[in-house]
Amino acid sequence: MNASVIDLRYKMNDVLKALDRNEDVTILYHGKVKGVISSPAQTVSKKITEHAFFNMSNAEESVDEKMSQLRGGRFNAL
């Protein structure tokens, strides 16, 4: 979709609908391209079995120990 600066002001609803349809919106100023607005990339969800803590019960260390290691202490903040 091409939109002028005036369209951004008066037809913002149409611009937002175009972004909902995953279209790129090209911003024109005096007929020249000034920029492009694109919709954010869609997030891909992972399976629960791919998570690092799945089946943690079979690990050598306990969940509390692992979480303490990952979080660190207040002295490890710097």
PDB file of N, CA and C in Angstrom:
ATOM      1  N   MET A   1       0.847  -1.169   0.000  1.00  0.00           N
ATOM      2  CA  MET A   1       0.000   0.000   0.000  1.00  0.00           C
ATOM      3  C   MET A   1       0.893   1.233   0.000  1.00  0.00           C
ATOM      4  N   ASN A   2       0.542   2.201  -0.789  1.00  0.00           N
ATOM      5  CA  ASN A   2       1.226   3.486  -0.804  1.00  0.00           C
ATOM      6  C   ASN A   2       0.371   4.489  -0.042  1.00  0.00           C
ATOM      7  N   ALA A   3       0.997   5.270   0.821  1.00  0.00           N
ATOM      8  CA  ALA A   3       0.274   6.260   1.603  1.00  0.00           C
ATOM      9  C   ALA A   3       1.101   7.530   1.673  1.00  0.00           C
ATOM     10  N   SER A   4       0.442   8.641   1.444  1.00  0.00           N
ATOM     11  CA  SER A   4       1.129   9.912   1.595  1.00  0.00           C
ATOM     12  C   SER A   4       1.075  10.335   3.055  1.00  0.00           C
ATOM     13  N   VAL A   5       1.766  11.426   3.360  1.00  0.00           N
ATOM     14  CA  VAL A   5       1.778  11.927   4.721  1.00  0.00           C
ATOM     15  C   VAL A   5       0.368  12.346   5.136  1.00  0.00           C
ATOM     16  N   ILE A   6      -0.392  12.873   4.223  1.00  0.00           N
ATOM     17  CA  ILE A   6      -1.778  13.275   4.503  1.00  0.00           C
ATOM     18  C   ILE A   6      -2.632  12.044   4.786  1.00  0.00           C
ATOM     19  N   ASP A   7      -2.379  10.946   4.056  1.00  0.00           N
ATOM     20  CA  ASP A   7      -3.118   9.706   4.317  1.00  0.00           C
ATOM     21  C   ASP A   7      -2.846   9.182   5.727  1.00  0.00           C
ATOM     22  N   LEU A   8      -1.620   9.359   6.196  1.00  0.00           N
ATOM     23  CA  LEU A   8      -1.315   8.930   7.552  1.00  0.00           C
ATOM     24  C   LEU A   8      -2.144   9.702   8.569  1.00  0.00           C
ATOM     25  N   ARG A   9      -2.434  10.924   8.249  1.00  0.00           N
ATOM     26  CA  ARG A   9      -3.207  11.749   9.178  1.00  0.00           C
ATOM     27  C   ARG A   9      -4.692  11.443   9.123  1.00  0.00           C
ATOM     28  N   TYR A  10      -5.230  11.359   7.918  1.00  0.00           N
ATOM     29  CA  TYR A  10      -6.674  11.251   7.775  1.00  0.00           C
ATOM     30  C   TYR A  10      -7.178   9.823   7.549  1.00  0.00           C
ATOM     31  N   LYS A  11      -6.344   8.927   7.083  1.00  0.00           N
ATOM     32  CA  LYS A  11      -6.766   7.563   6.777  1.00  0.00           C
ATOM     33  C   LYS A  11      -5.930   6.527   7.532  1.00  0.00           C
ATOM     34  N   MET A  12      -5.641   6.823   8.781  1.00  0.00           N
ATOM     35  CA  MET A  12      -4.822   5.915   9.575  1.00  0.00           C
ATOM     36  C   MET A  12      -5.500   4.559   9.745  1.00  0.00           C
ATOM     37  N   ASN A  13      -6.822   4.530   9.767  1.00  0.00           N
ATOM     38  CA  ASN A  13      -7.549   3.269   9.901  1.00  0.00           C
ATOM     39  C   ASN A  13      -7.240   2.339   8.721  1.00  0.00           C
ATOM     40  N   ASP A  14      -7.176   2.890   7.525  1.00  0.00           N
ATOM     41  CA  ASP A  14      -6.839   2.076   6.351  1.00  0.00           C
ATOM     42  C   ASP A  14      -5.395   1.568   6.411  1.00  0.00           C
ATOM     43  N   VAL A  15      -4.504   2.396   6.920  1.00  0.00           N
ATOM     44  CA  VAL A  15      -3.107   1.998   7.057  1.00  0.00           C
ATOM     45  C   VAL A  15      -2.987   0.849   8.058  1.00  0.00           C
ATOM     46  N   LEU A  16      -3.707   0.948   9.178  1.00  0.00           N
ATOM     47  CA  LEU A  16      -3.663  -0.115  10.180  1.00  0.00           C
ATOM     48  C   LEU A  16      -4.278  -1.409   9.660  1.00  0.00           C
ATOM     49  N   LYS A  17      -5.326  -1.302   8.853  1.00  0.00           N
ATOM     50  CA  LYS A  17      -5.919  -2.503   8.260  1.00  0.00           C
ATOM     51  C   LYS A  17      -4.939  -3.172   7.297  1.00  0.00           C
ATOM     52  N   ALA A  18      -4.188  -2.369   6.556  1.00  0.00           N
ATOM     53  CA  ALA A  18      -3.182  -2.930   5.645  1.00  0.00           C
ATOM     54  C   ALA A  18      -2.086  -3.642   6.425  1.00  0.00           C
ATOM     55  N   LEU A  19      -1.703  -3.083   7.560  1.00  0.00           N
ATOM     56  CA  LEU A  19      -0.693  -3.739   8.392  1.00  0.00           C
ATOM     57  C   LEU A  19      -1.233  -5.023   8.998  1.00  0.00           C
ATOM     58  N   ASP A  20      -2.531  -5.063   9.321  1.00  0.00           N
ATOM     59  CA  ASP A  20      -3.146  -6.292   9.817  1.00  0.00           C
ATOM     60  C   ASP A  20      -3.128  -7.389   8.762  1.00  0.00           C
ATOM     61  N   ARG A  21      -3.191  -7.000   7.492  1.00  0.00           N
ATOM     62  CA  ARG A  21      -3.128  -7.964   6.395  1.00  0.00           C
ATOM     63  C   ARG A  21      -1.684  -8.304   6.022  1.00  0.00           C
ATOM     64  N   ASN A  22      -0.731  -7.875   6.837  1.00  0.00           N
ATOM     65  CA  ASN A  22       0.706  -8.107   6.625  1.00  0.00           C
ATOM     66  C   ASN A  22       1.225  -7.473   5.343  1.00  0.00           C
ATOM     67  N   GLU A  23       0.644  -6.348   4.951  1.00  0.00           N
ATOM     68  CA  GLU A  23       1.131  -5.596   3.800  1.00  0.00           C
ATOM     69  C   GLU A  23       2.141  -4.564   4.275  1.00  0.00           C
ATOM     70  N   ASP A  24       3.106  -4.268   3.433  1.00  0.00           N
ATOM     71  CA  ASP A  24       4.020  -3.169   3.710  1.00  0.00           C
ATOM     72  C   ASP A  24       3.360  -1.865   3.275  1.00  0.00           C
ATOM     73  N   VAL A  25       3.536  -0.823   4.073  1.00  0.00           N
ATOM     74  CA  VAL A  25       2.981   0.489   3.751  1.00  0.00           C
ATOM     75  C   VAL A  25       4.143   1.400   3.400  1.00  0.00           C
ATOM     76  N   THR A  26       4.158   1.896   2.171  1.00  0.00           N
ATOM     77  CA  THR A  26       5.202   2.796   1.705  1.00  0.00           C
ATOM     78  C   THR A  26       4.749   4.228   1.936  1.00  0.00           C
ATOM     79  N   ILE A  27       5.559   5.014   2.639  1.00  0.00           N
ATOM     80  CA  ILE A  27       5.239   6.396   2.955  1.00  0.00           C
ATOM     81  C   ILE A  27       5.836   7.283   1.870  1.00  0.00           C
ATOM     82  N   LEU A  28       4.985   8.089   1.264  1.00  0.00           N
ATOM     83  CA  LEU A  28       5.409   8.995   0.196  1.00  0.00           C
ATOM     84  C   LEU A  28       5.311  10.443   0.673  1.00  0.00           C
ATOM     85  N   TYR A  29       6.312  11.243   0.317  1.00  0.00           N
ATOM     86  CA  TYR A  29       6.307  12.668   0.612  1.00  0.00           C
ATOM     87  C   TYR A  29       6.679  13.389  -0.672  1.00  0.00           C
ATOM     88  N   HIS A  30       5.742  14.137  -1.209  1.00  0.00           N
ATOM     89  CA  HIS A  30       5.888  14.798  -2.510  1.00  0.00           C
ATOM     90  C   HIS A  30       6.223  13.794  -3.604  1.00  0.00           C
ATOM     91  N   GLY A  31       5.628  12.607  -3.517  1.00  0.00           N
ATOM     92  CA  GLY A  31       5.796  11.586  -4.533  1.00  0.00           C
ATOM     93  C   GLY A  31       7.064  10.758  -4.404  1.00  0.00           C
ATOM     94  N   LYS A  32       7.903  11.056  -3.422  1.00  0.00           N
ATOM     95  CA  LYS A  32       9.143  10.309  -3.229  1.00  0.00           C
ATOM     96  C   LYS A  32       9.020   9.446  -1.978  1.00  0.00           C
ATOM     97  N   VAL A  33       9.619   8.279  -2.040  1.00  0.00           N
ATOM     98  CA  VAL A  33       9.553   7.338  -0.927  1.00  0.00           C
ATOM     99  C   VAL A  33      10.390   7.868   0.236  1.00  0.00           C
ATOM    100  N   LYS A  34       9.755   7.993   1.395  1.00  0.00           N
ATOM    101  CA  LYS A  34      10.449   8.421   2.609  1.00  0.00           C
ATOM    102  C   LYS A  34      10.710   7.266   3.556  1.00  0.00           C
ATOM    103  N   GLY A  35       9.896   6.230   3.480  1.00  0.00           N
ATOM    104  CA  GLY A  35      10.093   5.096   4.372  1.00  0.00           C
ATOM    105  C   GLY A  35       9.055   4.028   4.125  1.00  0.00           C
ATOM    106  N   VAL A  36       9.233   2.922   4.830  1.00  0.00           N
ATOM    107  CA  VAL A  36       8.329   1.785   4.707  1.00  0.00           C
ATOM    108  C   VAL A  36       7.975   1.315   6.111  1.00  0.00           C
ATOM    109  N   ILE A  37       6.689   1.111   6.347  1.00  0.00           N
ATOM    110  CA  ILE A  37       6.219   0.536   7.601  1.00  0.00           C
ATOM    111  C   ILE A  37       5.827  -0.901   7.296  1.00  0.00           C
ATOM    112  N   SER A  38       6.372  -1.829   8.079  1.00  0.00           N
ATOM    113  CA  SER A  38       6.021  -3.229   7.866  1.00  0.00           C
ATOM    114  C   SER A  38       5.501  -3.805   9.174  1.00  0.00           C
ATOM    115  N   SER A  39       4.668  -4.810   9.061  1.00  0.00           N
ATOM    116  CA  SER A  39       4.117  -5.449  10.249  1.00  0.00           C
ATOM    117  C   SER A  39       5.183  -6.337  10.877  1.00  0.00           C
ATOM    118  N   PRO A  40       5.113  -6.539  12.191  1.00  0.00           N
ATOM    119  CA  PRO A  40       6.130  -7.363  12.846  1.00  0.00           C
ATOM    120  C   PRO A  40       6.029  -8.818  12.404  1.00  0.00           C
ATOM    121  N   ALA A  41       7.140  -9.510  12.487  1.00  0.00           N
ATOM    122  CA  ALA A  41       7.169 -10.920  12.101  1.00  0.00           C
ATOM    123  C   ALA A  41       6.317 -11.739  13.061  1.00  0.00           C
ATOM    124  N   GLN A  42       5.683 -12.733  12.534  1.00  0.00           N
ATOM    125  CA  GLN A  42       4.852 -13.607  13.351  1.00  0.00           C
ATOM    126  C   GLN A  42       5.747 -14.494  14.200  1.00  0.00           C
ATOM    127  N   THR A  43       5.381 -14.676  15.461  1.00  0.00           N
ATOM    128  CA  THR A  43       6.159 -15.535  16.338  1.00  0.00           C
ATOM    129  C   THR A  43       5.791 -16.994  16.085  1.00  0.00           C
ATOM    130  N   VAL A  44       6.783 -17.829  16.140  1.00  0.00           N
ATOM    131  CA  VAL A  44       6.576 -19.250  15.933  1.00  0.00           C
ATOM    132  C   VAL A  44       6.610 -19.924  17.296  1.00  0.00           C
ATOM    133  N   SER A  45       5.564 -20.623  17.626  1.00  0.00           N
ATOM    134  CA  SER A  45       5.529 -21.299  18.920  1.00  0.00           C
ATOM    135  C   SER A  45       6.235 -22.642  18.804  1.00  0.00           C
ATOM    136  N   LYS A  46       6.937 -22.990  19.872  1.00  0.00           N
ATOM    137  CA  LYS A  46       7.666 -24.248  19.909  1.00  0.00           C
ATOM    138  C   LYS A  46       6.844 -25.293  20.649  1.00  0.00           C
ATOM    139  N   LYS A  47       7.216 -26.534  20.463  1.00  0.00           N
ATOM    140  CA  LYS A  47       6.589 -27.610  21.200  1.00  0.00           C
ATOM    141  C   LYS A  47       7.129 -27.613  22.619  1.00  0.00           C
ATOM    142  N   ILE A  48       6.337 -28.083  23.553  1.00  0.00           N
ATOM    143  CA  ILE A  48       6.756 -28.126  24.948  1.00  0.00           C
ATOM    144  C   ILE A  48       7.935 -29.070  25.140  1.00  0.00           C
ATOM    145  N   THR A  49       8.042 -30.079  24.302  1.00  0.00           N
ATOM    146  CA  THR A  49       9.152 -31.032  24.442  1.00  0.00           C
ATOM    147  C   THR A  49      10.487 -30.413  24.046  1.00  0.00           C
ATOM    148  N   GLU A  50      10.485 -29.280  23.329  1.00  0.00           N
ATOM    149  CA  GLU A  50      11.722 -28.622  22.935  1.00  0.00           C
ATOM    150  C   GLU A  50      12.232 -27.666  24.006  1.00  0.00           C
ATOM    151  N   HIS A  51      11.441 -27.452  25.055  1.00  0.00           N
ATOM    152  CA  HIS A  51      11.852 -26.534  26.114  1.00  0.00           C
ATOM    153  C   HIS A  51      12.967 -27.171  26.948  1.00  0.00           C
ATOM    154  N   ALA A  52      13.863 -26.349  27.464  1.00  0.00           N
ATOM    155  CA  ALA A  52      15.032 -26.848  28.195  1.00  0.00           C
ATOM    156  C   ALA A  52      14.659 -27.560  29.487  1.00  0.00           C
ATOM    157  N   PHE A  53      13.554 -27.189  30.116  1.00  0.00           N
ATOM    158  CA  PHE A  53      13.183 -27.787  31.390  1.00  0.00           C
ATOM    159  C   PHE A  53      12.198 -28.935  31.251  1.00  0.00           C
ATOM    160  N   PHE A  54      11.903 -29.342  30.044  1.00  0.00           N
ATOM    161  CA  PHE A  54      11.008 -30.482  29.871  1.00  0.00           C
ATOM    162  C   PHE A  54      11.697 -31.737  30.368  1.00  0.00           C
ATOM    163  N   ASN A  55      10.989 -32.529  31.136  1.00  0.00           N
ATOM    164  CA  ASN A  55      11.497 -33.775  31.707  1.00  0.00           C
ATOM    165  C   ASN A  55      12.698 -33.518  32.618  1.00  0.00           C
ATOM    166  N   MET A  56      12.611 -32.460  33.428  1.00  0.00           N
ATOM    167  CA  MET A  56      13.688 -32.091  34.339  1.00  0.00           C
ATOM    168  C   MET A  56      13.846 -33.110  35.466  1.00  0.00           C
ATOM    169  N   SER A  57      12.847 -33.951  35.659  1.00  0.00           N
ATOM    170  CA  SER A  57      12.927 -34.920  36.752  1.00  0.00           C
ATOM    171  C   SER A  57      14.042 -35.938  36.531  1.00  0.00           C
ATOM    172  N   ASN A  58      14.488 -36.134  35.305  1.00  0.00           N
ATOM    173  CA  ASN A  58      15.560 -37.079  35.024  1.00  0.00           C
ATOM    174  C   ASN A  58      16.943 -36.441  35.106  1.00  0.00           C
ATOM    175  N   ALA A  59      17.012 -35.160  35.434  1.00  0.00           N
ATOM    176  CA  ALA A  59      18.294 -34.461  35.481  1.00  0.00           C
ATOM    177  C   ALA A  59      19.070 -34.850  36.732  1.00  0.00           C
ATOM    178  N   GLU A  60      20.374 -34.640  36.679  1.00  0.00           N
ATOM    179  CA  GLU A  60      21.237 -34.995  37.802  1.00  0.00           C
ATOM    180  C   GLU A  60      21.085 -34.040  38.972  1.00  0.00           C
ATOM    181  N   GLU A  61      20.760 -32.775  38.687  1.00  0.00           N
ATOM    182  CA  GLU A  61      20.584 -31.802  39.765  1.00  0.00           C
ATOM    183  C   GLU A  61      19.106 -31.447  39.889  1.00  0.00           C
ATOM    184  N   SER A  62      18.727 -30.950  41.045  1.00  0.00           N
ATOM    185  CA  SER A  62      17.321 -30.644  41.278  1.00  0.00           C
ATOM    186  C   SER A  62      16.926 -29.371  40.531  1.00  0.00           C
ATOM    187  N   VAL A  63      15.639 -29.171  40.430  1.00  0.00           N
ATOM    188  CA  VAL A  63      15.124 -27.987  39.749  1.00  0.00           C
ATOM    189  C   VAL A  63      15.531 -26.737  40.508  1.00  0.00           C
ATOM    190  N   ASP A  64      15.492 -26.786  41.855  1.00  0.00           N
ATOM    191  CA  ASP A  64      15.880 -25.624  42.651  1.00  0.00           C
ATOM    192  C   ASP A  64      17.344 -25.254  42.429  1.00  0.00           C
ATOM    193  N   GLU A  65      18.207 -26.252  42.357  1.00  0.00           N
ATOM    194  CA  GLU A  65      19.622 -25.977  42.116  1.00  0.00           C
ATOM    195  C   GLU A  65      19.842 -25.376  40.733  1.00  0.00           C
ATOM    196  N   LYS A  66      19.156 -25.917  39.740  1.00  0.00           N
ATOM    197  CA  LYS A  66      19.293 -25.413  38.370  1.00  0.00           C
ATOM    198  C   LYS A  66      18.782 -23.984  38.271  1.00  0.00           C
ATOM    199  N   MET A  67      17.642 -23.693  38.907  1.00  0.00           N
ATOM    200  CA  MET A  67      17.091 -22.338  38.866  1.00  0.00           C
ATOM    201  C   MET A  67      18.003 -21.359  39.597  1.00  0.00           C
ATOM    202  N   SER A  68      18.578 -21.765  40.711  1.00  0.00           N
ATOM    203  CA  SER A  68      19.518 -20.902  41.429  1.00  0.00           C
ATOM    204  C   SER A  68      20.747 -20.619  40.575  1.00  0.00           C
ATOM    205  N   GLN A  69      21.181 -21.610  39.831  1.00  0.00           N
ATOM    206  CA  GLN A  69      22.337 -21.437  38.957  1.00  0.00           C
ATOM    207  C   GLN A  69      22.006 -20.469  37.826  1.00  0.00           C
ATOM    208  N   LEU A  70      20.820 -20.587  37.240  1.00  0.00           N
ATOM    209  CA  LEU A  70      20.438 -19.719  36.138  1.00  0.00           C
ATOM    210  C   LEU A  70      20.185 -18.290  36.591  1.00  0.00           C
ATOM    211  N   ARG A  71      19.521 -18.134  37.715  1.00  0.00           N
ATOM    212  CA  ARG A  71      19.204 -16.802  38.209  1.00  0.00           C
ATOM    213  C   ARG A  71      20.439 -16.107  38.768  1.00  0.00           C
ATOM    214  N   GLY A  72      21.300 -16.855  39.395  1.00  0.00           N
ATOM    215  CA  GLY A  72      22.461 -16.261  40.026  1.00  0.00           C
ATOM    216  C   GLY A  72      22.054 -15.548  41.289  1.00  0.00           C
ATOM    217  N   GLY A  73      23.015 -15.111  42.028  1.00  0.00           N
ATOM    218  CA  GLY A  73      22.728 -14.390  43.248  1.00  0.00           C
ATOM    219  C   GLY A  73      22.823 -12.897  43.034  1.00  0.00           C
ATOM    220  N   ARG A  74      22.572 -12.163  44.084  1.00  0.00           N
ATOM    221  CA  ARG A  74      22.664 -10.706  43.941  1.00  0.00           C
ATOM    222  C   ARG A  74      24.112 -10.269  43.814  1.00  0.00           C
ATOM    223  N   PHE A  75      25.048 -11.124  44.199  1.00  0.00           N
ATOM    224  CA  PHE A  75      26.446 -10.766  44.081  1.00  0.00           C
ATOM    225  C   PHE A  75      26.987 -11.020  42.673  1.00  0.00           C
ATOM    226  N   ASN A  76      26.254 -11.789  41.888  1.00  0.00           N
ATOM    227  CA  ASN A  76      26.665 -12.065  40.512  1.00  0.00           C
ATOM    228  C   ASN A  76      26.046 -11.093  39.515  1.00  0.00           C
ATOM    229  N   ALA A  77      25.416 -10.031  39.998  1.00  0.00           N
ATOM    230  CA  ALA A  77      24.679  -9.124  39.123  1.00  0.00           C
ATOM    231  C   ALA A  77      25.610  -8.290  38.246  1.00  0.00           C
ATOM    232  N   LEU A  78      26.804  -8.020  38.718  1.00  0.00           N
ATOM    233  CA  LEU A  78      27.697  -7.165  37.940  1.00  0.00           C
ATOM    234  C   LEU A  78      28.631  -7.926  37.080  1.00  0.00           C
TER     235      LEU A  78
END
